[in-house]
Full PDB file with SEQRES, HELIX, SHEET, SSBOND, CRYST1, ORIGX, SCALE, CONECT and MASTER records, all heavy atoms in Angstrom:
SEQRES   1 A   33  LEU ILE GLU PRO MET THR THR PRO ALA ALA TYR TYR SER          
SEQRES   2 A   33  LYS VAL ILE PHE GLY ALA GLY ALA GLY ALA LEU ILE PHE          
SEQRES   3 A   33  ILE LEU TYR LEU ILE GLY VAL                                  
HELIX    1 AA1 PRO A    4  THR A    6  5                                   3    
HELIX    2 AA2 TYR A   11  LEU A   30  1                                  20    
CRYST1    1.000    1.000    1.000  90.00  90.00  90.00 P 1           1          
ORIGX1      1.000000  0.000000  0.000000        0.00000                         
ORIGX2      0.000000  1.000000  0.000000        0.00000                         
ORIGX3      0.000000  0.000000  1.000000        0.00000                         
SCALE1      1.000000  0.000000  0.000000        0.00000                         
SCALE2      0.000000  1.000000  0.000000        0.00000                         
SCALE3      0.000000  0.000000  1.000000        0.00000                         
ATOM      1  N   LEU A   1       1.737  -2.009  10.963  1.00  0.00           N  
ATOM      2  CA  LEU A   1       0.387  -1.809  10.425  1.00  0.00           C  
ATOM      3  C   LEU A   1       0.187  -2.502   9.083  1.00  0.00           C  
ATOM      4  O   LEU A   1      -0.914  -2.970   8.784  1.00  0.00           O  
ATOM      5  CB  LEU A   1       0.110  -0.311  10.281  1.00  0.00           C  
ATOM      6  CG  LEU A   1      -1.252   0.095   9.715  1.00  0.00           C  
ATOM      7  CD1 LEU A   1      -2.371  -0.318  10.680  1.00  0.00           C  
ATOM      8  CD2 LEU A   1      -1.307   1.595   9.450  1.00  0.00           C  
ATOM      9  N   ILE A   2       1.237  -2.595   8.283  1.00  0.00           N  
ATOM     10  CA  ILE A   2       1.093  -3.074   6.903  1.00  0.00           C  
ATOM     11  C   ILE A   2       1.526  -4.536   6.740  1.00  0.00           C  
ATOM     12  O   ILE A   2       1.746  -4.983   5.619  1.00  0.00           O  
ATOM     13  CB  ILE A   2       1.863  -2.154   5.929  1.00  0.00           C  
ATOM     14  CG1 ILE A   2       3.297  -1.851   6.421  1.00  0.00           C  
ATOM     15  CG2 ILE A   2       1.123  -0.843   5.779  1.00  0.00           C  
ATOM     16  CD1 ILE A   2       4.316  -2.852   6.057  1.00  0.00           C  
ATOM     17  N   GLU A   3       1.645  -5.277   7.834  1.00  0.00           N  
ATOM     18  CA  GLU A   3       2.052  -6.688   7.770  1.00  0.00           C  
ATOM     19  C   GLU A   3       1.148  -7.434   6.785  1.00  0.00           C  
ATOM     20  O   GLU A   3      -0.074  -7.417   6.916  1.00  0.00           O  
ATOM     21  CB  GLU A   3       1.965  -7.305   9.164  1.00  0.00           C  
ATOM     22  CG  GLU A   3       2.707  -8.619   9.310  1.00  0.00           C  
ATOM     23  CD  GLU A   3       1.853  -9.823   8.974  1.00  0.00           C  
ATOM     24  OE1 GLU A   3       0.627  -9.747   9.137  1.00  0.00           O  
ATOM     25  OE2 GLU A   3       2.409 -10.845   8.554  1.00  0.00           O  
ATOM     26  N   PRO A   4       1.709  -8.076   5.753  1.00  0.00           N  
ATOM     27  CA  PRO A   4       0.912  -8.583   4.630  1.00  0.00           C  
ATOM     28  C   PRO A   4      -0.077  -9.694   4.952  1.00  0.00           C  
ATOM     29  O   PRO A   4      -1.175  -9.738   4.392  1.00  0.00           O  
ATOM     30  CB  PRO A   4       1.974  -9.060   3.624  1.00  0.00           C  
ATOM     31  CG  PRO A   4       3.213  -9.265   4.429  1.00  0.00           C  
ATOM     32  CD  PRO A   4       3.162  -8.258   5.537  1.00  0.00           C  
ATOM     33  N   MET A   5       0.274 -10.621   5.844  1.00  0.00           N  
ATOM     34  CA  MET A   5      -0.575 -11.791   6.070  1.00  0.00           C  
ATOM     35  C   MET A   5      -1.844 -11.482   6.847  1.00  0.00           C  
ATOM     36  O   MET A   5      -2.830 -12.218   6.755  1.00  0.00           O  
ATOM     37  CB  MET A   5       0.223 -12.866   6.809  1.00  0.00           C  
ATOM     38  CG  MET A   5       1.322 -13.499   5.986  1.00  0.00           C  
ATOM     39  SD  MET A   5       0.678 -14.438   4.581  1.00  0.00           S  
ATOM     40  CE  MET A   5      -0.086 -15.820   5.425  1.00  0.00           C  
ATOM     41  N   THR A   6      -1.845 -10.419   7.621  1.00  0.00           N  
ATOM     42  CA  THR A   6      -3.002 -10.132   8.486  1.00  0.00           C  
ATOM     43  C   THR A   6      -3.745  -8.871   8.069  1.00  0.00           C  
ATOM     44  O   THR A   6      -4.537  -8.326   8.838  1.00  0.00           O  
ATOM     45  CB  THR A   6      -2.544 -10.001   9.951  1.00  0.00           C  
ATOM     46  OG1 THR A   6      -1.515  -8.997  10.039  1.00  0.00           O  
ATOM     47  CG2 THR A   6      -2.002 -11.312  10.463  1.00  0.00           C  
ATOM     48  N   THR A   7      -3.491  -8.397   6.848  1.00  0.00           N  
ATOM     49  CA  THR A   7      -4.188  -7.229   6.313  1.00  0.00           C  
ATOM     50  C   THR A   7      -4.867  -7.615   5.003  1.00  0.00           C  
ATOM     51  O   THR A   7      -4.455  -8.570   4.344  1.00  0.00           O  
ATOM     52  CB  THR A   7      -3.215  -6.057   6.079  1.00  0.00           C  
ATOM     53  OG1 THR A   7      -2.114  -6.517   5.258  1.00  0.00           O  
ATOM     54  CG2 THR A   7      -2.668  -5.530   7.387  1.00  0.00           C  
ATOM     55  N   PRO A   8      -5.899  -6.880   4.599  1.00  0.00           N  
ATOM     56  CA  PRO A   8      -6.655  -7.247   3.392  1.00  0.00           C  
ATOM     57  C   PRO A   8      -5.834  -7.126   2.114  1.00  0.00           C  
ATOM     58  O   PRO A   8      -4.809  -6.439   2.067  1.00  0.00           O  
ATOM     59  CB  PRO A   8      -7.818  -6.237   3.391  1.00  0.00           C  
ATOM     60  CG  PRO A   8      -7.865  -5.671   4.761  1.00  0.00           C  
ATOM     61  CD  PRO A   8      -6.470  -5.711   5.287  1.00  0.00           C  
ATOM     62  N   ALA A   9      -6.335  -7.766   1.065  1.00  0.00           N  
ATOM     63  CA  ALA A   9      -5.638  -7.770  -0.223  1.00  0.00           C  
ATOM     64  C   ALA A   9      -6.282  -6.856  -1.253  1.00  0.00           C  
ATOM     65  O   ALA A   9      -5.593  -6.273  -2.095  1.00  0.00           O  
ATOM     66  CB  ALA A   9      -5.575  -9.197  -0.768  1.00  0.00           C  
ATOM     67  N   ALA A  10      -7.603  -6.701  -1.216  1.00  0.00           N  
ATOM     68  CA  ALA A  10      -8.306  -5.907  -2.221  1.00  0.00           C  
ATOM     69  C   ALA A  10      -8.163  -4.410  -1.953  1.00  0.00           C  
ATOM     70  O   ALA A  10      -7.986  -3.986  -0.804  1.00  0.00           O  
ATOM     71  CB  ALA A  10      -9.778  -6.294  -2.267  1.00  0.00           C  
ATOM     72  N   TYR A  11      -8.276  -3.607  -2.999  1.00  0.00           N  
ATOM     73  CA  TYR A  11      -8.026  -2.164  -2.925  1.00  0.00           C  
ATOM     74  C   TYR A  11      -8.882  -1.469  -1.861  1.00  0.00           C  
ATOM     75  O   TYR A  11      -8.353  -0.855  -0.931  1.00  0.00           O  
ATOM     76  CB  TYR A  11      -8.280  -1.523  -4.297  1.00  0.00           C  
ATOM     77  CG  TYR A  11      -8.114  -0.023  -4.307  1.00  0.00           C  
ATOM     78  CD1 TYR A  11      -6.864   0.558  -4.497  1.00  0.00           C  
ATOM     79  CD2 TYR A  11      -9.204   0.822  -4.103  1.00  0.00           C  
ATOM     80  CE1 TYR A  11      -6.699   1.934  -4.503  1.00  0.00           C  
ATOM     81  CE2 TYR A  11      -9.054   2.196  -4.104  1.00  0.00           C  
ATOM     82  CZ  TYR A  11      -7.804   2.746  -4.308  1.00  0.00           C  
ATOM     83  OH  TYR A  11      -7.651   4.110  -4.295  1.00  0.00           O  
ATOM     84  N   TYR A  12     -10.203  -1.535  -2.011  1.00  0.00           N  
ATOM     85  CA  TYR A  12     -11.078  -0.817  -1.083  1.00  0.00           C  
ATOM     86  C   TYR A  12     -11.034  -1.416   0.322  1.00  0.00           C  
ATOM     87  O   TYR A  12     -11.237  -0.706   1.308  1.00  0.00           O  
ATOM     88  CB  TYR A  12     -12.517  -0.786  -1.614  1.00  0.00           C  
ATOM     89  CG  TYR A  12     -12.680   0.140  -2.791  1.00  0.00           C  
ATOM     90  CD1 TYR A  12     -12.928  -0.357  -4.063  1.00  0.00           C  
ATOM     91  CD2 TYR A  12     -12.557   1.520  -2.633  1.00  0.00           C  
ATOM     92  CE1 TYR A  12     -13.056   0.489  -5.160  1.00  0.00           C  
ATOM     93  CE2 TYR A  12     -12.690   2.374  -3.715  1.00  0.00           C  
ATOM     94  CZ  TYR A  12     -12.934   1.855  -4.982  1.00  0.00           C  
ATOM     95  OH  TYR A  12     -13.053   2.704  -6.056  1.00  0.00           O  
ATOM     96  N   SER A  13     -10.757  -2.693   0.407  1.00  0.00           N  
ATOM     97  CA  SER A  13     -10.623  -3.322   1.721  1.00  0.00           C  
ATOM     98  C   SER A  13      -9.405  -2.773   2.458  1.00  0.00           C  
ATOM     99  O   SER A  13      -9.440  -2.551   3.670  1.00  0.00           O  
ATOM    100  CB  SER A  13     -10.509  -4.838   1.571  1.00  0.00           C  
ATOM    101  OG  SER A  13     -11.693  -5.383   1.045  1.00  0.00           O  
ATOM    102  N   LYS A  14      -8.329  -2.535   1.713  1.00  0.00           N  
ATOM    103  CA  LYS A  14      -7.137  -1.945   2.315  1.00  0.00           C  
ATOM    104  C   LYS A  14      -7.403  -0.505   2.747  1.00  0.00           C  
ATOM    105  O   LYS A  14      -6.911  -0.068   3.798  1.00  0.00           O  
ATOM    106  CB  LYS A  14      -5.965  -2.013   1.332  1.00  0.00           C  
ATOM    107  CG  LYS A  14      -5.414  -3.420   1.136  1.00  0.00           C  
ATOM    108  CD  LYS A  14      -4.173  -3.441   0.262  1.00  0.00           C  
ATOM    109  CE  LYS A  14      -4.504  -3.312  -1.201  1.00  0.00           C  
ATOM    110  NZ  LYS A  14      -3.331  -3.513  -2.077  1.00  0.00           N  
ATOM    111  N   VAL A  15      -8.180   0.215   1.962  1.00  0.00           N  
ATOM    112  CA  VAL A  15      -8.548   1.586   2.332  1.00  0.00           C  
ATOM    113  C   VAL A  15      -9.351   1.592   3.630  1.00  0.00           C  
ATOM    114  O   VAL A  15      -9.092   2.390   4.541  1.00  0.00           O  
ATOM    115  CB  VAL A  15      -9.366   2.257   1.201  1.00  0.00           C  
ATOM    116  CG1 VAL A  15      -9.940   3.600   1.671  1.00  0.00           C  
ATOM    117  CG2 VAL A  15      -8.496   2.463  -0.041  1.00  0.00           C  
ATOM    118  N   ILE A  16     -10.316   0.684   3.719  1.00  0.00           N  
ATOM    119  CA  ILE A  16     -11.136   0.577   4.931  1.00  0.00           C  
ATOM    120  C   ILE A  16     -10.274   0.207   6.132  1.00  0.00           C  
ATOM    121  O   ILE A  16     -10.431   0.754   7.230  1.00  0.00           O  
ATOM    122  CB  ILE A  16     -12.258  -0.469   4.727  1.00  0.00           C  
ATOM    123  CG1 ILE A  16     -13.254   0.015   3.668  1.00  0.00           C  
ATOM    124  CG2 ILE A  16     -12.986  -0.745   6.048  1.00  0.00           C  
ATOM    125  CD1 ILE A  16     -14.255  -1.051   3.242  1.00  0.00           C  
ATOM    126  N   PHE A  17      -9.361  -0.725   5.934  1.00  0.00           N  
ATOM    127  CA  PHE A  17      -8.487  -1.174   7.021  1.00  0.00           C  
ATOM    128  C   PHE A  17      -7.644  -0.016   7.551  1.00  0.00           C  
ATOM    129  O   PHE A  17      -7.576   0.216   8.763  1.00  0.00           O  
ATOM    130  CB  PHE A  17      -7.578  -2.300   6.521  1.00  0.00           C  
ATOM    131  CG  PHE A  17      -6.735  -2.938   7.586  1.00  0.00           C  
ATOM    132  CD1 PHE A  17      -7.150  -4.088   8.231  1.00  0.00           C  
ATOM    133  CD2 PHE A  17      -5.505  -2.394   7.944  1.00  0.00           C  
ATOM    134  CE1 PHE A  17      -6.379  -4.685   9.208  1.00  0.00           C  
ATOM    135  CE2 PHE A  17      -4.713  -2.978   8.923  1.00  0.00           C  
ATOM    136  CZ  PHE A  17      -5.151  -4.126   9.558  1.00  0.00           C  
ATOM    137  N   GLY A  18      -6.988   0.709   6.654  1.00  0.00           N  
ATOM    138  CA  GLY A  18      -6.125   1.808   7.075  1.00  0.00           C  
ATOM    139  C   GLY A  18      -6.886   2.926   7.746  1.00  0.00           C  
ATOM    140  O   GLY A  18      -6.486   3.422   8.816  1.00  0.00           O  
ATOM    141  N   ALA A  19      -8.011   3.326   7.136  1.00  0.00           N  
ATOM    142  CA  ALA A  19      -8.821   4.401   7.722  1.00  0.00           C  
ATOM    143  C   ALA A  19      -9.417   3.958   9.059  1.00  0.00           C  
ATOM    144  O   ALA A  19      -9.476   4.750  10.017  1.00  0.00           O  
ATOM    145  CB  ALA A  19      -9.938   4.797   6.752  1.00  0.00           C  
ATOM    146  N   GLY A  20      -9.841   2.705   9.128  1.00  0.00           N  
ATOM    147  CA  GLY A  20     -10.393   2.188  10.367  1.00  0.00           C  
ATOM    148  C   GLY A  20      -9.378   2.175  11.490  1.00  0.00           C  
ATOM    149  O   GLY A  20      -9.689   2.497  12.639  1.00  0.00           O  
ATOM    150  N   ALA A  21      -8.146   1.804  11.160  1.00  0.00           N  
ATOM    151  CA  ALA A  21      -7.085   1.804  12.168  1.00  0.00           C  
ATOM    152  C   ALA A  21      -6.813   3.207  12.680  1.00  0.00           C  
ATOM    153  O   ALA A  21      -6.680   3.429  13.888  1.00  0.00           O  
ATOM    154  CB  ALA A  21      -5.807   1.193  11.584  1.00  0.00           C  
ATOM    155  N   GLY A  22      -6.734   4.167  11.762  1.00  0.00           N  
ATOM    156  CA  GLY A  22      -6.502   5.552  12.172  1.00  0.00           C  
ATOM    157  C   GLY A  22      -7.613   6.091  13.056  1.00  0.00           C  
ATOM    158  O   GLY A  22      -7.346   6.740  14.071  1.00  0.00           O  
ATOM    159  N   ALA A  23      -8.864   5.795  12.684  1.00  0.00           N  
ATOM    160  CA  ALA A  23     -10.007   6.277  13.464  1.00  0.00           C  
ATOM    161  C   ALA A  23     -10.065   5.608  14.833  1.00  0.00           C  
ATOM    162  O   ALA A  23     -10.322   6.273  15.850  1.00  0.00           O  
ATOM    163  CB  ALA A  23     -11.300   6.014  12.688  1.00  0.00           C  
ATOM    164  N   LEU A  24      -9.834   4.309  14.863  1.00  0.00           N  
ATOM    165  CA  LEU A  24      -9.926   3.582  16.136  1.00  0.00           C  
ATOM    166  C   LEU A  24      -8.812   4.005  17.090  1.00  0.00           C  
ATOM    167  O   LEU A  24      -9.043   4.135  18.302  1.00  0.00           O  
ATOM    168  CB  LEU A  24      -9.868   2.068  15.881  1.00  0.00           C  
ATOM    169  CG  LEU A  24     -10.062   1.168  17.102  1.00  0.00           C  
ATOM    170  CD1 LEU A  24     -11.347   1.515  17.837  1.00  0.00           C  
ATOM    171  CD2 LEU A  24     -10.071  -0.300  16.680  1.00  0.00           C  
ATOM    172  N   ILE A  25      -7.622   4.225  16.566  1.00  0.00           N  
ATOM    173  CA  ILE A  25      -6.522   4.696  17.412  1.00  0.00           C  
ATOM    174  C   ILE A  25      -6.869   6.053  18.023  1.00  0.00           C  
ATOM    175  O   ILE A  25      -6.621   6.292  19.209  1.00  0.00           O  
ATOM    176  CB  ILE A  25      -5.214   4.773  16.606  1.00  0.00           C  
ATOM    177  CG1 ILE A  25      -4.691   3.372  16.325  1.00  0.00           C  
ATOM    178  CG2 ILE A  25      -4.151   5.586  17.360  1.00  0.00           C  
ATOM    179  CD1 ILE A  25      -3.527   3.322  15.367  1.00  0.00           C  
ATOM    180  N   PHE A  26      -7.467   6.928  17.226  1.00  0.00           N  
ATOM    181  CA  PHE A  26      -7.869   8.247  17.731  1.00  0.00           C  
ATOM    182  C   PHE A  26      -8.873   8.098  18.870  1.00  0.00           C  
ATOM    183  O   PHE A  26      -8.741   8.746  19.924  1.00  0.00           O  
ATOM    184  CB  PHE A  26      -8.484   9.068  16.596  1.00  0.00           C  
ATOM    185  CG  PHE A  26      -9.035  10.396  17.028  1.00  0.00           C  
ATOM    186  CD1 PHE A  26      -8.188  11.465  17.282  1.00  0.00           C  
ATOM    187  CD2 PHE A  26     -10.407  10.577  17.197  1.00  0.00           C  
ATOM    188  CE1 PHE A  26      -8.697  12.692  17.690  1.00  0.00           C  
ATOM    189  CE2 PHE A  26     -10.921  11.798  17.606  1.00  0.00           C  
ATOM    190  CZ  PHE A  26     -10.063  12.858  17.854  1.00  0.00           C  
ATOM    191  N   ILE A  27      -9.870   7.243  18.673  1.00  0.00           N  
ATOM    192  CA  ILE A  27     -10.901   7.033  19.702  1.00  0.00           C  
ATOM    193  C   ILE A  27     -10.287   6.449  20.968  1.00  0.00           C  
ATOM    194  O   ILE A  27     -10.596   6.872  22.092  1.00  0.00           O  
ATOM    195  CB  ILE A  27     -12.007   6.107  19.163  1.00  0.00           C  
ATOM    196  CG1 ILE A  27     -12.775   6.796  18.024  1.00  0.00           C  
ATOM    197  CG2 ILE A  27     -12.974   5.702  20.279  1.00  0.00           C  
ATOM    198  CD1 ILE A  27     -13.721   5.878  17.287  1.00  0.00           C  
ATOM    199  N   LEU A  28      -9.408   5.464  20.801  1.00  0.00           N  
ATOM    200  CA  LEU A  28      -8.791   4.812  21.952  1.00  0.00           C  
ATOM    201  C   LEU A  28      -7.905   5.772  22.742  1.00  0.00           C  
ATOM    202  O   LEU A  28      -7.856   5.719  23.976  1.00  0.00           O  
ATOM    203  CB  LEU A  28      -7.977   3.594  21.501  1.00  0.00           C  
ATOM    204  CG  LEU A  28      -8.789   2.435  20.906  1.00  0.00           C  
ATOM    205  CD1 LEU A  28      -7.877   1.354  20.361  1.00  0.00           C  
ATOM    206  CD2 LEU A  28      -9.733   1.850  21.965  1.00  0.00           C  
ATOM    207  N   TYR A  29      -7.213   6.655  22.033  1.00  0.00           N  
ATOM    208  CA  TYR A  29      -6.425   7.677  22.718  1.00  0.00           C  
ATOM    209  C   TYR A  29      -7.324   8.620  23.512  1.00  0.00           C  
ATOM    210  O   TYR A  29      -6.994   9.016  24.642  1.00  0.00           O  
ATOM    211  CB  TYR A  29      -5.592   8.477  21.721  1.00  0.00           C  
ATOM    212  CG  TYR A  29      -4.207   7.929  21.487  1.00  0.00           C  
ATOM    213  CD1 TYR A  29      -3.773   7.594  20.213  1.00  0.00           C  
ATOM    214  CD2 TYR A  29      -3.317   7.750  22.548  1.00  0.00           C  
ATOM    215  CE1 TYR A  29      -2.502   7.083  19.992  1.00  0.00           C  
ATOM    216  CE2 TYR A  29      -2.049   7.242  22.346  1.00  0.00           C  
ATOM    217  CZ  TYR A  29      -1.642   6.915  21.068  1.00  0.00           C  
ATOM    218  OH  TYR A  29      -0.380   6.414  20.875  1.00  0.00           O  
ATOM    219  N   LEU A  30      -8.460   8.980  22.926  1.00  0.00           N  
ATOM    220  CA  LEU A  30      -9.382   9.896  23.600  1.00  0.00           C  
ATOM    221  C   LEU A  30      -9.893   9.324  24.922  1.00  0.00           C  
ATOM    222  O   LEU A  30     -10.056  10.052  25.904  1.00  0.00           O  
ATOM    223  CB  LEU A  30     -10.575  10.216  22.691  1.00  0.00           C  
ATOM    224  CG  LEU A  30     -10.387  11.264  21.601  1.00  0.00           C  
ATOM    225  CD1 LEU A  30     -11.697  11.488  20.862  1.00  0.00           C  
ATOM    226  CD2 LEU A  30      -9.893  12.594  22.198  1.00  0.00           C  
ATOM    227  N   ILE A  31     -10.156   8.020  24.942  1.00  0.00           N  
ATOM    228  CA  ILE A  31     -10.711   7.415  26.158  1.00  0.00           C  
ATOM    229  C   ILE A  31      -9.620   6.836  27.058  1.00  0.00           C  
ATOM    230  O   ILE A  31      -9.917   6.215  28.075  1.00  0.00           O  
ATOM    231  CB  ILE A  31     -11.754   6.334  25.813  1.00  0.00           C  
ATOM    232  CG1 ILE A  31     -11.123   5.193  24.992  1.00  0.00           C  
ATOM    233  CG2 ILE A  31     -12.918   6.952  25.046  1.00  0.00           C  
ATOM    234  CD1 ILE A  31     -12.102   4.068  24.650  1.00  0.00           C  
ATOM    235  N   GLY A  32      -8.366   7.045  26.668  1.00  0.00           N  
ATOM    236  CA  GLY A  32      -7.246   6.676  27.537  1.00  0.00           C  
ATOM    237  C   GLY A  32      -6.888   5.209  27.569  1.00  0.00           C  
ATOM    238  O   GLY A  32      -6.391   4.715  28.594  1.00  0.00           O  
ATOM    239  N   VAL A  33      -7.115   4.493  26.467  1.00  0.00           N  
ATOM    240  CA  VAL A  33      -6.775   3.072  26.418  1.00  0.00           C  
ATOM    241  C   VAL A  33      -5.266   2.911  26.258  1.00  0.00           C  
ATOM    242  O   VAL A  33      -4.647   3.545  25.396  1.00  0.00           O  
ATOM    243  CB  VAL A  33      -7.503   2.375  25.257  1.00  0.00           C  
ATOM    244  CG1 VAL A  33      -7.014   0.934  25.090  1.00  0.00           C  
ATOM    245  CG2 VAL A  33      -9.005   2.388  25.504  1.00  0.00           C  
TER     246      VAL A  33                                                      
MASTER        0    0    0    2    0    0    0    6  245    1    0    3          
END                                                                             
């Protein structure tokens, strides 16, 4: 998840990235992806 080259560099961008990943994984699990 934290691979440096493909993740954002700025503070709030990293917050959005991490929270977005957690939320999307939850949704994908719910729909059985």
